[in-house]
Amino acid sequence: MLTVFIATFTIFLLVIFGMSLGFIVKRKSIQGSCGGIAALGMEKACNCPEPCDARKNRIEREAKLQKSRIL
């Protein structure tokens, strides 16, 4: 029983190592296979006509940070 566990664990480690090696060699960013939200025709994460208060506050904070940036 322990032999099966060790063999299975080793195979999983080899698969994970192989996938990470392929990622490192190709230097491509990880992306979804279906195109994500853009494929659904949505321009933003929430499809609400009016953003909620928390989102409005976050947008205001990000705008202030963009204005205060030196670069």
C-alpha atoms as a PDB file:
ATOM      1  CA  MET A   1       0.000   0.000   0.000  1.00  0.00           C
ATOM      2  CA  LEU A   2       2.793   2.418   0.860  1.00  0.00           C
ATOM      3  CA  THR A   3       4.546   1.531  -2.392  1.00  0.00           C
ATOM      4  CA  VAL A   4       1.491   2.567  -4.413  1.00  0.00           C
ATOM      5  CA  PHE A   5       1.293   5.861  -2.517  1.00  0.00           C
ATOM      6  CA  ILE A   6       4.985   6.633  -3.089  1.00  0.00           C
ATOM      7  CA  ALA A   7       4.747   5.697  -6.787  1.00  0.00           C
ATOM      8  CA  THR A   8       1.657   7.873  -7.273  1.00  0.00           C
ATOM      9  CA  PHE A   9       3.234  10.784  -5.421  1.00  0.00           C
ATOM     10  CA  THR A  10       6.393  10.473  -7.545  1.00  0.00           C
ATOM     11  CA  ILE A  11       4.373  10.474 -10.768  1.00  0.00           C
ATOM     12  CA  PHE A  12       2.493  13.592  -9.669  1.00  0.00           C
ATOM     13  CA  LEU A  13       5.767  15.334  -8.829  1.00  0.00           C
ATOM     14  CA  LEU A  14       7.196  14.443 -12.240  1.00  0.00           C
ATOM     15  CA  VAL A  15       4.118  15.785 -14.012  1.00  0.00           C
ATOM     16  CA  ILE A  16       4.201  19.043 -12.045  1.00  0.00           C
ATOM     17  CA  PHE A  17       7.923  19.393 -12.678  1.00  0.00           C
ATOM     18  CA  GLY A  18       7.404  18.783 -16.409  1.00  0.00           C
ATOM     19  CA  MET A  19       4.668  21.415 -16.632  1.00  0.00           C
ATOM     20  CA  SER A  20       6.731  23.984 -14.748  1.00  0.00           C
ATOM     21  CA  LEU A  21       9.742  23.254 -16.933  1.00  0.00           C
ATOM     22  CA  GLY A  22       7.646  23.863 -20.045  1.00  0.00           C
ATOM     23  CA  PHE A  23       6.425  27.149 -18.584  1.00  0.00           C
ATOM     24  CA  ILE A  24       9.952  28.283 -17.706  1.00  0.00           C
ATOM     25  CA  VAL A  25      11.397  27.392 -21.123  1.00  0.00           C
ATOM     26  CA  LYS A  26       8.644  29.055 -23.186  1.00  0.00           C
ATOM     27  CA  ARG A  27       8.442  32.150 -20.937  1.00  0.00           C
ATOM     28  CA  LYS A  28       4.783  32.662 -21.786  1.00  0.00           C
ATOM     29  CA  SER A  29       2.320  34.079 -19.322  1.00  0.00           C
ATOM     30  CA  ILE A  30      -0.315  31.743 -17.975  1.00  0.00           C
ATOM     31  CA  GLN A  31      -3.708  32.368 -19.572  1.00  0.00           C
ATOM     32  CA  GLY A  32      -7.087  30.734 -19.692  1.00  0.00           C
ATOM     33  CA  SER A  33      -8.035  28.514 -22.582  1.00  0.00           C
ATOM     34  CA  CYS A  34     -11.462  30.047 -23.216  1.00  0.00           C
ATOM     35  CA  GLY A  35     -10.621  33.762 -23.274  1.00  0.00           C
ATOM     36  CA  GLY A  36     -12.123  34.559 -19.891  1.00  0.00           C
ATOM     37  CA  ILE A  37     -14.649  37.337 -19.375  1.00  0.00           C
ATOM     38  CA  ALA A  38     -13.877  38.952 -22.747  1.00  0.00           C
ATOM     39  CA  ALA A  39     -15.235  35.860 -24.514  1.00  0.00           C
ATOM     40  CA  LEU A  40     -18.581  36.407 -22.778  1.00  0.00           C
ATOM     41  CA  GLY A  41     -18.848  39.945 -24.128  1.00  0.00           C
ATOM     42  CA  MET A  42     -18.361  41.554 -20.721  1.00  0.00           C
ATOM     43  CA  GLU A  43     -15.987  44.502 -20.461  1.00  0.00           C
ATOM     44  CA  LYS A  44     -15.585  44.403 -16.696  1.00  0.00           C
ATOM     45  CA  ALA A  45     -15.656  41.867 -13.891  1.00  0.00           C
ATOM     46  CA  CYS A  46     -19.153  42.795 -12.752  1.00  0.00           C
ATOM     47  CA  ASN A  47     -21.824  43.345 -15.375  1.00  0.00           C
ATOM     48  CA  CYS A  48     -23.773  45.825 -13.236  1.00  0.00           C
ATOM     49  CA  PRO A  49     -24.953  49.100 -14.791  1.00  0.00           C
ATOM     50  CA  GLU A  50     -23.934  50.987 -11.629  1.00  0.00           C
ATOM     51  CA  PRO A  51     -20.877  49.847  -9.616  1.00  0.00           C
ATOM     52  CA  CYS A  52     -21.288  49.215  -5.898  1.00  0.00           C
ATOM     53  CA  ASP A  53     -19.928  51.616  -3.268  1.00  0.00           C
ATOM     54  CA  ALA A  54     -16.848  49.507  -2.558  1.00  0.00           C
ATOM     55  CA  ARG A  55     -15.953  49.457  -6.266  1.00  0.00           C
ATOM     56  CA  LYS A  56     -16.511  53.227  -6.550  1.00  0.00           C
ATOM     57  CA  ASN A  57     -14.162  53.788  -3.599  1.00  0.00           C
ATOM     58  CA  ARG A  58     -11.537  51.526  -5.134  1.00  0.00           C
ATOM     59  CA  ILE A  59     -11.776  53.350  -8.480  1.00  0.00           C
ATOM     60  CA  GLU A  60     -11.377  56.710  -6.714  1.00  0.00           C
ATOM     61  CA  ARG A  61      -8.347  55.442  -4.772  1.00  0.00           C
ATOM     62  CA  GLU A  62      -6.721  54.119  -7.947  1.00  0.00           C
ATOM     63  CA  ALA A  63      -7.350  57.443  -9.707  1.00  0.00           C
ATOM     64  CA  LYS A  64      -5.737  59.339  -6.833  1.00  0.00           C
ATOM     65  CA  LEU A  65      -2.724  57.012  -6.913  1.00  0.00           C
ATOM     66  CA  GLN A  66      -2.363  57.507 -10.671  1.00  0.00           C
ATOM     67  CA  LYS A  67      -2.412  61.314 -10.213  1.00  0.00           C
ATOM     68  CA  SER A  68       0.164  61.217  -7.427  1.00  0.00           C
ATOM     69  CA  ARG A  69       2.615  59.005  -9.352  1.00  0.00           C
ATOM     70  CA  ILE A  70       5.863  60.659 -10.354  1.00  0.00           C
ATOM     71  CA  LEU A  71       6.492  58.468 -13.371  1.00  0.00           C
END
